[in-house]
Protein backbone atom coordinates (compact mmCIF):
# COMPACT_ATOMS: atom_id res chain seq x y z
CA LEU A 1 9.68 -4.02 -16.45
CA PRO A 2 7.61 -6.31 -14.19
CA LEU A 3 9.52 -7.82 -11.27
CA PRO A 4 9.65 -11.58 -10.77
CA TYR A 5 7.11 -13.02 -8.33
CA PHE A 6 6.87 -16.65 -7.28
CA TYR A 7 3.82 -18.04 -5.50
CA SER A 8 5.76 -21.30 -5.19
CA LEU A 9 7.79 -19.55 -2.44
CA TRP A 10 4.72 -18.73 -0.34
CA LYS A 11 4.69 -19.75 3.31
CA THR A 12 2.66 -18.63 6.27
CA LEU A 13 3.45 -18.23 9.96
CA VAL A 14 1.04 -19.04 12.75
CA LEU A 15 2.50 -16.19 14.84
CA LEU A 16 1.50 -13.63 12.19
CA PRO A 17 -0.45 -15.51 9.44
CA ARG A 18 -1.17 -14.37 5.88
CA LEU A 19 -4.61 -12.87 5.58
CA TYR A 20 -5.18 -13.83 1.93
CA THR A 21 -4.56 -16.75 -0.41
CA PRO A 22 -2.37 -16.68 -3.58
CA CYS A 23 -5.55 -16.33 -5.64
CA GLU A 24 -6.75 -13.40 -3.54
CA HIS A 25 -3.32 -11.83 -3.78
CA LYS A 26 -3.53 -12.00 -7.60
CA VAL A 27 -6.92 -10.23 -7.41
CA MET A 28 -5.42 -7.53 -5.22
CA ILE A 29 -2.51 -6.99 -7.59
CA ASN A 30 -4.91 -6.92 -10.55
CA LEU A 31 -7.00 -4.34 -8.70
CA LEU A 32 -3.94 -2.12 -8.16
CA SER A 33 -2.98 -2.51 -11.81
CA THR A 34 -6.53 -1.66 -12.95
CA PHE A 35 -6.54 1.48 -10.82
CA HIS A 36 -3.07 2.48 -12.08
CA GLN A 37 -4.20 2.15 -15.72
CA LEU A 38 -7.43 4.06 -15.01
CA CYS A 39 -5.46 6.94 -13.51
CA LYS A 40 -2.91 6.89 -16.32
CA SER A 41 -5.66 7.03 -18.94
CA ASN A 42 -7.32 9.97 -17.22
CA ASN A 43 -4.23 11.93 -16.21
CA ILE A 44 -4.93 11.38 -12.50
CA THR A 45 -2.12 11.53 -9.96
CA TYR A 46 -2.22 8.95 -7.15
CA MET A 47 0.17 7.56 -4.59
CA ILE A 48 0.17 4.42 -2.45
CA CYS A 49 0.07 5.19 1.29
CA ASP A 50 -0.25 3.76 4.81
CA GLY A 51 0.01 -0.06 4.96
CA THR A 52 0.44 -0.45 1.23
CA LEU A 53 3.40 1.94 1.19
CA LEU A 54 4.88 0.16 4.23
CA GLY A 55 4.52 -3.18 2.41
CA SER A 56 6.43 -1.81 -0.57
CA TYR A 57 9.21 -0.58 1.73
CA ARG A 58 9.47 -3.74 3.85
CA ASN A 59 8.59 -6.51 1.44
CA HIS A 60 8.17 -5.14 -2.12
CA ASP A 61 4.67 -6.56 -1.68
CA ILE A 62 1.37 -6.20 0.09
CA LEU A 63 2.04 -6.81 3.77
CA PRO A 64 1.25 -10.52 4.32
CA TYR A 65 -0.65 -9.64 7.49
CA ASP A 66 -2.70 -6.78 5.97
CA ASP A 67 -5.89 -7.29 4.01
CA ASP A 68 -6.69 -3.93 2.40
CA LEU A 69 -5.01 -1.50 0.03
CA ASP A 70 -4.47 2.24 0.58
CA ILE A 71 -4.19 4.97 -2.06
CA LEU A 72 -4.21 8.76 -1.85
CA VAL A 73 -5.53 11.11 -4.56
CA SER A 74 -6.38 14.78 -4.40
CA GLU A 75 -9.94 15.56 -3.42
CA TYR A 76 -10.42 17.03 -6.89
CA ASP A 77 -9.33 13.72 -8.51
CA ARG A 78 -11.40 11.61 -6.07
CA LEU A 79 -14.53 13.44 -7.31
CA LEU A 80 -13.29 13.13 -10.91
CA LEU A 81 -13.03 9.34 -10.45
CA LEU A 82 -16.68 9.29 -9.34
CA ARG A 83 -17.67 11.22 -12.46
CA ILE A 84 -15.75 8.77 -14.62
CA ARG A 85 -17.54 5.89 -12.89
CA ASP A 86 -20.89 7.48 -13.60
CA SER A 87 -19.98 8.08 -17.26
CA ILE A 88 -19.35 4.40 -17.99
CA ALA A 89 -22.16 1.79 -17.94
CA ASP A 90 -21.71 -0.88 -15.29
CA ASP A 91 -21.40 -3.65 -17.89
CA GLN A 92 -18.58 -1.77 -19.62
CA ARG A 93 -16.18 -1.84 -16.67
CA SER A 94 -14.95 -4.49 -14.27
CA TRP A 95 -14.61 -2.10 -11.35
CA THR A 96 -16.79 0.32 -9.40
CA ILE A 97 -16.47 2.81 -6.56
CA PHE A 98 -18.60 3.00 -3.44
CA SER A 99 -18.68 6.48 -1.98
CA PRO A 100 -20.39 6.74 1.42
CA ASN A 101 -21.74 10.25 2.00
CA ASN A 102 -18.91 11.98 0.09
CA ASN A 103 -16.65 11.80 3.14
CA SER A 104 -13.35 11.74 1.21
CA LEU A 105 -12.96 7.98 1.73
CA ASP A 106 -14.19 5.75 -1.08
CA LYS A 107 -13.89 1.99 -1.86
CA PHE A 108 -12.55 0.87 -5.26
CA TYR A 109 -13.20 -2.79 -6.07
CA PHE A 110 -14.16 -5.32 -8.71
CA ARG A 111 -17.86 -5.66 -9.31
CA GLU A 112 -17.64 -9.49 -9.34
CA SER A 113 -15.81 -9.84 -5.99
CA LYS A 114 -17.59 -11.08 -2.88
CA LYS A 115 -19.21 -8.74 -0.38
CA ALA A 116 -17.06 -7.41 2.46
CA GLY A 117 -19.09 -8.92 5.35
CA SER A 118 -22.48 -7.35 5.36
CA MET A 119 -21.37 -4.05 3.81
CA LYS A 120 -22.40 -2.58 0.48
CA TRP A 121 -18.92 -2.86 -1.04
CA ASN A 122 -16.80 -5.84 -2.04
CA TRP A 123 -13.53 -7.27 -0.86
CA PRO A 124 -10.68 -6.96 -1.72
CA PHE A 125 -10.86 -3.18 -2.08
CA ILE A 126 -8.69 -0.07 -2.25
CA ASP A 127 -9.37 2.50 0.43
CA LEU A 128 -9.30 5.63 -1.70
CA PHE A 129 -8.48 8.73 0.36
CA GLY A 130 -9.04 12.24 -0.94
CA PHE A 131 -6.44 14.74 0.36
CA GLN A 132 -6.69 18.55 0.62
CA GLU A 133 -3.73 20.69 -0.31
CA ASN A 134 -2.25 24.18 -0.38
CA SER A 135 1.03 25.44 -1.87
CA THR A 136 3.19 23.76 0.78
CA HIS A 137 1.35 20.75 2.27
CA ILE A 138 -1.17 18.00 1.65
CA TRP A 139 -3.30 16.65 4.47
CA PHE A 140 -5.67 13.77 5.13
CA GLU A 141 -4.58 11.95 8.27
CA ALA A 142 -2.03 14.70 9.05
CA PRO A 143 -0.28 17.57 7.32
CA VAL A 144 2.64 16.42 5.13
CA ASP A 145 5.08 18.82 3.60
CA LYS A 146 5.07 18.51 -0.18
CA LYS A 147 8.81 18.21 -0.25
CA TYR A 148 8.29 14.69 1.16
CA ILE A 149 5.71 13.85 -1.55
CA PHE A 150 6.80 15.32 -4.89
CA PRO A 151 8.17 14.37 -7.29
CA LEU A 152 6.50 10.99 -6.91
CA VAL A 153 8.64 7.89 -7.41
CA LEU A 154 7.70 4.40 -8.70
CA ARG A 155 7.99 1.66 -6.06
CA PRO A 156 7.36 -2.12 -6.36
CA ILE A 157 4.41 -4.02 -5.12
CA ALA A 158 4.88 -7.69 -6.16
CA SER A 159 5.27 -7.53 -9.97
CA GLN A 160 3.82 -3.97 -10.30
CA TRP A 161 5.39 -0.51 -10.20
CA LEU A 162 3.15 2.02 -8.48
CA TRP A 163 3.54 5.73 -7.63
CA SER A 164 4.55 6.54 -4.08
CA PRO A 165 5.67 9.57 -2.05
CA ARG A 166 9.24 10.69 -2.74
CA SER A 167 10.23 10.17 0.92
CA ILE A 168 8.76 7.29 2.88
CA PHE A 169 10.55 8.58 5.97
CA GLY A 170 9.20 12.13 5.63
CA TYR A 171 5.69 10.80 5.02
CA TYR A 172 5.60 8.46 8.02
CA ARG A 173 7.36 10.91 10.36
CA SER A 174 4.67 13.47 9.52
CA LEU A 175 1.99 10.96 10.48
CA GLN A 176 3.85 9.98 13.64
CA LYS A 177 3.88 13.57 14.82
CA ARG A 178 0.08 13.54 14.73
CA HIS A 179 -0.91 9.98 15.53
CA ASN A 180 1.89 7.66 16.75
CA LEU A 181 0.66 5.28 14.04
CA TYR A 182 3.89 3.57 13.04
CA ALA A 183 6.96 2.06 14.63
CA VAL A 184 9.44 4.70 15.76
CA ALA A 185 12.42 2.62 14.52
CA PRO A 186 14.36 4.52 11.86
CA SER A 187 14.16 1.51 9.51
CA PHE A 188 10.41 0.99 10.00
CA GLY A 189 11.45 -2.61 9.90
CA GLN A 190 11.69 -3.63 13.53
CA THR A 191 8.07 -3.85 14.63
CA CYS A 192 5.50 -5.81 12.61
CA LEU A 193 1.90 -5.90 13.72
CA GLN A 194 -1.50 -7.28 12.83
CA GLN A 195 -4.57 -5.16 13.60
CA ARG A 196 -7.66 -6.61 15.22
CA TYR A 197 -9.87 -5.48 12.38
CA SER A 198 -10.61 -7.66 9.34
CA HIS A 199 -11.37 -5.74 6.14
CA ARG A 200 -12.52 -9.00 4.49
CA TYR A 201 -15.41 -9.23 6.98
CA GLU A 202 -15.47 -5.52 8.08
CA ARG A 203 -15.43 -6.45 11.73
CA THR A 204 -13.03 -7.26 14.55
CA THR A 205 -11.97 -10.90 14.14
CA GLN A 206 -8.31 -11.10 15.10
CA ASN A 207 -6.07 -10.61 18.08
CA PHE A 208 -3.75 -7.57 18.05
CA VAL A 209 -0.29 -9.09 17.51
CA VAL A 210 3.06 -7.34 17.67
CA VAL A 211 6.32 -9.15 16.84
CA ASN A 212 9.91 -8.26 15.97
CA CYS A 213 10.02 -8.27 12.15
CA SER A 214 13.16 -10.42 12.22
CA GLN A 215 10.99 -13.27 13.45
CA LEU A 216 9.31 -13.31 10.00
CA HIS A 217 12.44 -13.29 7.81
CA ASN A 218 12.54 -17.03 7.09
CA ILE A 219 8.86 -17.11 6.23
CA TYR A 220 7.98 -13.86 4.40
CA PRO A 221 10.38 -12.38 1.81
CA TYR A 222 11.70 -9.06 3.05
CA ILE A 223 13.97 -6.20 1.93
CA ARG A 224 17.53 -5.82 3.10
CA ARG A 225 19.21 -2.47 2.27
CA THR A 226 22.73 -1.33 1.88
CA CYS A 227 23.22 2.39 1.22
CA ASN A 228 25.96 4.88 0.47
CA GLU A 229 25.57 8.67 0.41
CA THR A 230 23.25 8.76 -2.62
CA LYS A 231 22.14 5.21 -3.54
CA CYS A 232 20.65 2.15 -1.96
CA PHE A 233 20.61 -1.45 -3.03
CA GLU A 234 17.33 -3.13 -2.06
CA TYR A 235 17.74 -6.94 -1.90
CA LEU A 236 14.56 -9.03 -1.84
CA MET A 237 15.57 -11.82 0.56
CA ILE A 238 13.65 -15.09 0.54
CA ASN A 239 15.29 -16.04 3.86
CA GLU A 240 18.14 -14.67 5.97
CA THR A 241 20.81 -15.66 3.37
CA THR A 242 19.27 -15.94 -0.13
CA PRO A 243 18.47 -12.88 -2.31
CA MET A 244 15.99 -13.19 -5.18
CA TYR A 245 16.94 -9.89 -6.89
CA SER A 246 18.31 -6.43 -6.11
CA LEU A 247 17.22 -2.92 -7.12
CA ASN A 248 19.45 0.14 -7.29
CA THR A 249 17.43 3.08 -5.97
CA ASP A 250 18.01 6.66 -4.95
CA LYS A 251 18.59 7.05 -1.26
CA ASP A 252 15.71 8.72 0.61
CA ALA A 253 16.94 12.30 1.10
CA TYR A 254 15.12 12.46 4.45
CA ALA A 255 16.17 9.09 5.86
CA HIS A 256 17.86 10.95 8.74
CA LEU A 257 14.54 12.22 10.17
């Protein structure tokens, strides 16, 4: 079932401002839903990753201070999506895919959206990464053991349920080993940051900002967790004291990493 989502609760914080409007957020959620349905119709396996996965974990939403979307598919399915695009006339689909030089990173976006700066693709878009794999690992940014990935689980982004890696901890720890990309705090909830780069304009437009995530709790809804040995309750908090809803989820088997 869709989760409740209320734009009437939206606020923004000068310290770490939202990078999109409510209308743009609706477009981004519709874009994710369109991609999910496209994959479902064509038996394609995908998973949210990077900032989009972090947003699901921290906020059950797109990170307020992030302005693109991140999805992983196998390299085989990335090429299949391009063939599906080419098999449907432009006027018969709302979406398209820009594939620069077949470099395993494509852009999935609505044809009617505005250009991303001076680039050939539009914003908002999904960064669509194609991963390689063998019997034990997948890899794009870094090798990730398949035990952290499969079976995929459904996780919330705003009102939508999208496929994600089985273990968020295992996925991010694997990336940390290679790149030091994400906060080392076990909760991934202590350090919130805004990159300098704007995907809306495809250029550097912002200052690099790092804050303690707790500074955002009275402005941006966030997830508070209570766990036992096997289960976690995820409470979507609209401030430090008021929950909007709770979800009963399986505890991440690799949360100790």
